[in-house]
Amino acid sequence: MAMMEWQDSFSVGVTAMDLQHKQLVAMVNQLFDAMRAGKGDLVVKTLLPNLASYTRSHFNAEEKLMHEAGFPDIAAHQAEHHILSQQVSDLLERIKAGKMVATVSLATFLKNWLTSHILDTDMQYGKFIAGRKLVAVGG
């Protein structure tokens, strides 16, 4: 059983972003599966850097999309991205320093953050972009 299942309610209505969100969900599930198999500590050393890299790439794509669409709340959205990026960076530093990272806590944190961010913050730009398309088509 996956820790996090993709649901239609997660769709922001932008195909490229939905596909990237699905990839992030898959990465959280990889960590959870490894943790359940007793390999969480081993996998976190490779998965977390990959997750950090993919997340940066996703954030850049999302911010570019918002900028191009003229999304008015981009600064607040970028601030949330910056906070998560910093938290993941801090975790990477702990791992590099040989400190333990609780994989259960990490997987739960990532799942909760991703769910909340998509359903609250990302939905805002999704609705904005959908509204802009309706205006462009109807206008």
C-alpha atoms as a PDB file:
ATOM      1  CA  MET A   1       0.000   0.000   0.000  1.00  0.00           C
ATOM      2  CA  ALA A   2       1.355   3.398  -0.981  1.00  0.00           C
ATOM      3  CA  MET A   3       1.745   6.099   1.617  1.00  0.00           C
ATOM      4  CA  MET A   4       0.245   8.666  -0.716  1.00  0.00           C
ATOM      5  CA  GLU A   5      -2.196   7.993  -3.532  1.00  0.00           C
ATOM      6  CA  TRP A   6      -2.672  10.459  -6.372  1.00  0.00           C
ATOM      7  CA  GLN A   7      -6.233  11.745  -6.383  1.00  0.00           C
ATOM      8  CA  ASP A   8      -8.063  13.705  -9.051  1.00  0.00           C
ATOM      9  CA  SER A   9      -8.583  16.417  -6.440  1.00  0.00           C
ATOM     10  CA  PHE A  10      -4.803  17.087  -6.634  1.00  0.00           C
ATOM     11  CA  SER A  11      -5.050  18.169 -10.275  1.00  0.00           C
ATOM     12  CA  VAL A  12      -4.326  21.875 -10.734  1.00  0.00           C
ATOM     13  CA  GLY A  13      -5.561  21.708 -14.318  1.00  0.00           C
ATOM     14  CA  VAL A  14      -2.120  22.217 -15.870  1.00  0.00           C
ATOM     15  CA  THR A  15      -0.973  18.912 -17.358  1.00  0.00           C
ATOM     16  CA  ALA A  16       2.773  19.540 -17.009  1.00  0.00           C
ATOM     17  CA  MET A  17       2.417  20.493 -13.341  1.00  0.00           C
ATOM     18  CA  ASP A  18       0.116  17.550 -12.607  1.00  0.00           C
ATOM     19  CA  LEU A  19       2.681  15.170 -14.125  1.00  0.00           C
ATOM     20  CA  GLN A  20       5.432  16.693 -11.991  1.00  0.00           C
ATOM     21  CA  HIS A  21       3.261  16.478  -8.885  1.00  0.00           C
ATOM     22  CA  LYS A  22       2.640  12.798  -9.661  1.00  0.00           C
ATOM     23  CA  GLN A  23       6.408  12.277  -9.842  1.00  0.00           C
ATOM     24  CA  LEU A  24       6.821  13.932  -6.428  1.00  0.00           C
ATOM     25  CA  VAL A  25       4.115  11.644  -5.022  1.00  0.00           C
ATOM     26  CA  ALA A  26       5.984   8.658  -6.488  1.00  0.00           C
ATOM     27  CA  MET A  27       9.210   9.785  -4.804  1.00  0.00           C
ATOM     28  CA  VAL A  28       7.499  10.073  -1.412  1.00  0.00           C
ATOM     29  CA  ASN A  29       6.136   6.561  -1.959  1.00  0.00           C
ATOM     30  CA  GLN A  30       9.622   5.269  -2.854  1.00  0.00           C
ATOM     31  CA  LEU A  31      10.911   6.527   0.476  1.00  0.00           C
ATOM     32  CA  PHE A  32       7.979   5.011   2.335  1.00  0.00           C
ATOM     33  CA  ASP A  33       8.366   1.641   0.575  1.00  0.00           C
ATOM     34  CA  ALA A  34      12.086   1.559   1.374  1.00  0.00           C
ATOM     35  CA  MET A  35      11.350   2.449   4.984  1.00  0.00           C
ATOM     36  CA  ARG A  36       8.831  -0.391   5.252  1.00  0.00           C
ATOM     37  CA  ALA A  37      11.427  -2.777   3.820  1.00  0.00           C
ATOM     38  CA  GLY A  38      13.925  -1.663   6.466  1.00  0.00           C
ATOM     39  CA  LYS A  39      16.067   0.209   3.939  1.00  0.00           C
ATOM     40  CA  GLY A  40      14.935   3.750   4.674  1.00  0.00           C
ATOM     41  CA  ASP A  41      18.317   4.993   5.891  1.00  0.00           C
ATOM     42  CA  LEU A  42      20.075   3.611   2.826  1.00  0.00           C
ATOM     43  CA  VAL A  43      17.535   4.967   0.324  1.00  0.00           C
ATOM     44  CA  VAL A  44      17.246   8.386   1.944  1.00  0.00           C
ATOM     45  CA  LYS A  45      20.909   9.016   1.106  1.00  0.00           C
ATOM     46  CA  THR A  46      20.149   8.704  -2.613  1.00  0.00           C
ATOM     47  CA  LEU A  47      16.482   9.627  -2.760  1.00  0.00           C
ATOM     48  CA  LEU A  48      16.710  12.893  -0.837  1.00  0.00           C
ATOM     49  CA  PRO A  49      19.313  14.474  -3.166  1.00  0.00           C
ATOM     50  CA  ASN A  50      17.246  13.344  -6.170  1.00  0.00           C
ATOM     51  CA  LEU A  51      14.086  14.690  -4.557  1.00  0.00           C
ATOM     52  CA  ALA A  52      15.803  18.004  -3.809  1.00  0.00           C
ATOM     53  CA  SER A  53      16.988  18.321  -7.402  1.00  0.00           C
ATOM     54  CA  TYR A  54      13.620  17.378  -8.874  1.00  0.00           C
ATOM     55  CA  THR A  55      11.806  19.712  -6.499  1.00  0.00           C
ATOM     56  CA  ARG A  56      14.026  22.658  -7.505  1.00  0.00           C
ATOM     57  CA  SER A  57      13.337  21.908 -11.149  1.00  0.00           C
ATOM     58  CA  HIS A  58       9.594  21.646 -10.456  1.00  0.00           C
ATOM     59  CA  PHE A  59       9.556  24.890  -8.484  1.00  0.00           C
ATOM     60  CA  ASN A  60      11.361  26.686 -11.308  1.00  0.00           C
ATOM     61  CA  ALA A  61       8.841  25.378 -13.852  1.00  0.00           C
ATOM     62  CA  GLU A  62       5.921  26.346 -11.638  1.00  0.00           C
ATOM     63  CA  GLU A  63       7.279  29.823 -11.010  1.00  0.00           C
ATOM     64  CA  LYS A  64       7.925  30.344 -14.732  1.00  0.00           C
ATOM     65  CA  LEU A  65       4.349  29.275 -15.475  1.00  0.00           C
ATOM     66  CA  MET A  66       2.954  31.657 -12.849  1.00  0.00           C
ATOM     67  CA  HIS A  67       5.106  34.508 -14.119  1.00  0.00           C
ATOM     68  CA  GLU A  68       4.028  33.946 -17.732  1.00  0.00           C
ATOM     69  CA  ALA A  69       0.364  33.770 -16.682  1.00  0.00           C
ATOM     70  CA  GLY A  70       0.641  36.989 -14.662  1.00  0.00           C
ATOM     71  CA  PHE A  71      -0.317  35.233 -11.421  1.00  0.00           C
ATOM     72  CA  PRO A  72      -0.537  38.021  -8.833  1.00  0.00           C
ATOM     73  CA  ASP A  73       0.428  35.984  -5.747  1.00  0.00           C
ATOM     74  CA  ILE A  74       3.731  34.672  -7.093  1.00  0.00           C
ATOM     75  CA  ALA A  75       5.860  36.172  -4.282  1.00  0.00           C
ATOM     76  CA  ALA A  76       3.996  34.276  -1.540  1.00  0.00           C
ATOM     77  CA  HIS A  77       4.182  31.092  -3.586  1.00  0.00           C
ATOM     78  CA  GLN A  78       7.923  31.526  -4.114  1.00  0.00           C
ATOM     79  CA  ALA A  79       8.356  32.072  -0.374  1.00  0.00           C
ATOM     80  CA  GLU A  80       6.742  28.688   0.325  1.00  0.00           C
ATOM     81  CA  HIS A  81       9.019  27.076  -2.234  1.00  0.00           C
ATOM     82  CA  HIS A  82      12.037  28.705  -0.623  1.00  0.00           C
ATOM     83  CA  ILE A  83      11.082  27.433   2.848  1.00  0.00           C
ATOM     84  CA  LEU A  84      10.737  23.817   1.680  1.00  0.00           C
ATOM     85  CA  SER A  85      13.954  24.036  -0.336  1.00  0.00           C
ATOM     86  CA  GLN A  86      15.775  25.267   2.760  1.00  0.00           C
ATOM     87  CA  GLN A  87      14.296  22.492   4.913  1.00  0.00           C
ATOM     88  CA  VAL A  88      15.392  19.840   2.409  1.00  0.00           C
ATOM     89  CA  SER A  89      18.855  21.466   2.193  1.00  0.00           C
ATOM     90  CA  ASP A  90      19.139  21.305   5.965  1.00  0.00           C
ATOM     91  CA  LEU A  91      18.208  17.607   5.899  1.00  0.00           C
ATOM     92  CA  LEU A  92      20.823  16.950   3.210  1.00  0.00           C
ATOM     93  CA  GLU A  93      23.466  18.661   5.350  1.00  0.00           C
ATOM     94  CA  ARG A  94      22.495  16.477   8.319  1.00  0.00           C
ATOM     95  CA  ILE A  95      22.859  13.354   6.186  1.00  0.00           C
ATOM     96  CA  LYS A  96      26.221  14.487   4.774  1.00  0.00           C
ATOM     97  CA  ALA A  97      27.399  15.115   8.333  1.00  0.00           C
ATOM     98  CA  GLY A  98      26.511  11.518   9.216  1.00  0.00           C
ATOM     99  CA  LYS A  99      23.574  12.434  11.433  1.00  0.00           C
ATOM    100  CA  MET A 100      20.500  10.240  11.558  1.00  0.00           C
ATOM    101  CA  VAL A 101      17.303  11.351   9.880  1.00  0.00           C
ATOM    102  CA  ALA A 102      14.091   9.634  10.932  1.00  0.00           C
ATOM    103  CA  THR A 103      12.702   8.310   7.661  1.00  0.00           C
ATOM    104  CA  VAL A 104       9.189   7.906   9.053  1.00  0.00           C
ATOM    105  CA  SER A 105       9.150  11.565  10.079  1.00  0.00           C
ATOM    106  CA  LEU A 106      10.666  12.602   6.769  1.00  0.00           C
ATOM    107  CA  ALA A 107       8.142  10.659   4.674  1.00  0.00           C
ATOM    108  CA  THR A 108       5.242  11.961   6.771  1.00  0.00           C
ATOM    109  CA  PHE A 109       6.539  15.538   6.553  1.00  0.00           C
ATOM    110  CA  LEU A 110       6.936  15.321   2.757  1.00  0.00           C
ATOM    111  CA  LYS A 111       3.492  13.763   2.283  1.00  0.00           C
ATOM    112  CA  ASN A 112       1.796  16.369   4.466  1.00  0.00           C
ATOM    113  CA  TRP A 113       3.675  19.271   2.886  1.00  0.00           C
ATOM    114  CA  LEU A 114       3.014  18.105  -0.672  1.00  0.00           C
ATOM    115  CA  THR A 115      -0.683  17.460  -0.031  1.00  0.00           C
ATOM    116  CA  SER A 116      -1.175  20.811   1.679  1.00  0.00           C
ATOM    117  CA  HIS A 117       0.872  22.728  -0.895  1.00  0.00           C
ATOM    118  CA  ILE A 118      -0.975  21.243  -3.869  1.00  0.00           C
ATOM    119  CA  LEU A 119      -4.471  21.503  -2.389  1.00  0.00           C
ATOM    120  CA  ASP A 120      -4.045  25.004  -0.988  1.00  0.00           C
ATOM    121  CA  THR A 121      -1.282  26.973  -2.666  1.00  0.00           C
ATOM    122  CA  ASP A 122      -1.026  25.346  -6.092  1.00  0.00           C
ATOM    123  CA  MET A 123      -4.790  25.288  -6.578  1.00  0.00           C
ATOM    124  CA  GLN A 124      -4.698  29.086  -6.462  1.00  0.00           C
ATOM    125  CA  TYR A 125      -2.585  29.378  -9.592  1.00  0.00           C
ATOM    126  CA  GLY A 126      -4.544  26.536 -11.212  1.00  0.00           C
ATOM    127  CA  LYS A 127      -7.813  28.422 -10.754  1.00  0.00           C
ATOM    128  CA  PHE A 128      -6.201  31.656 -11.906  1.00  0.00           C
ATOM    129  CA  ILE A 129      -4.866  30.060 -15.094  1.00  0.00           C
ATOM    130  CA  ALA A 130      -8.184  28.315 -15.780  1.00  0.00           C
ATOM    131  CA  GLY A 131      -9.948  31.673 -15.398  1.00  0.00           C
ATOM    132  CA  ARG A 132      -7.490  33.343 -17.769  1.00  0.00           C
ATOM    133  CA  LYS A 133      -8.108  30.671 -20.415  1.00  0.00           C
ATOM    134  CA  LEU A 134     -11.870  31.208 -20.154  1.00  0.00           C
ATOM    135  CA  VAL A 135     -11.400  34.941 -20.575  1.00  0.00           C
ATOM    136  CA  ALA A 136      -9.067  34.387 -23.551  1.00  0.00           C
ATOM    137  CA  VAL A 137     -11.522  31.960 -25.193  1.00  0.00           C
ATOM    138  CA  GLY A 138     -14.612  33.994 -24.408  1.00  0.00           C
ATOM    139  CA  GLY A 139     -13.131  37.391 -24.715  1.00  0.00           C
END
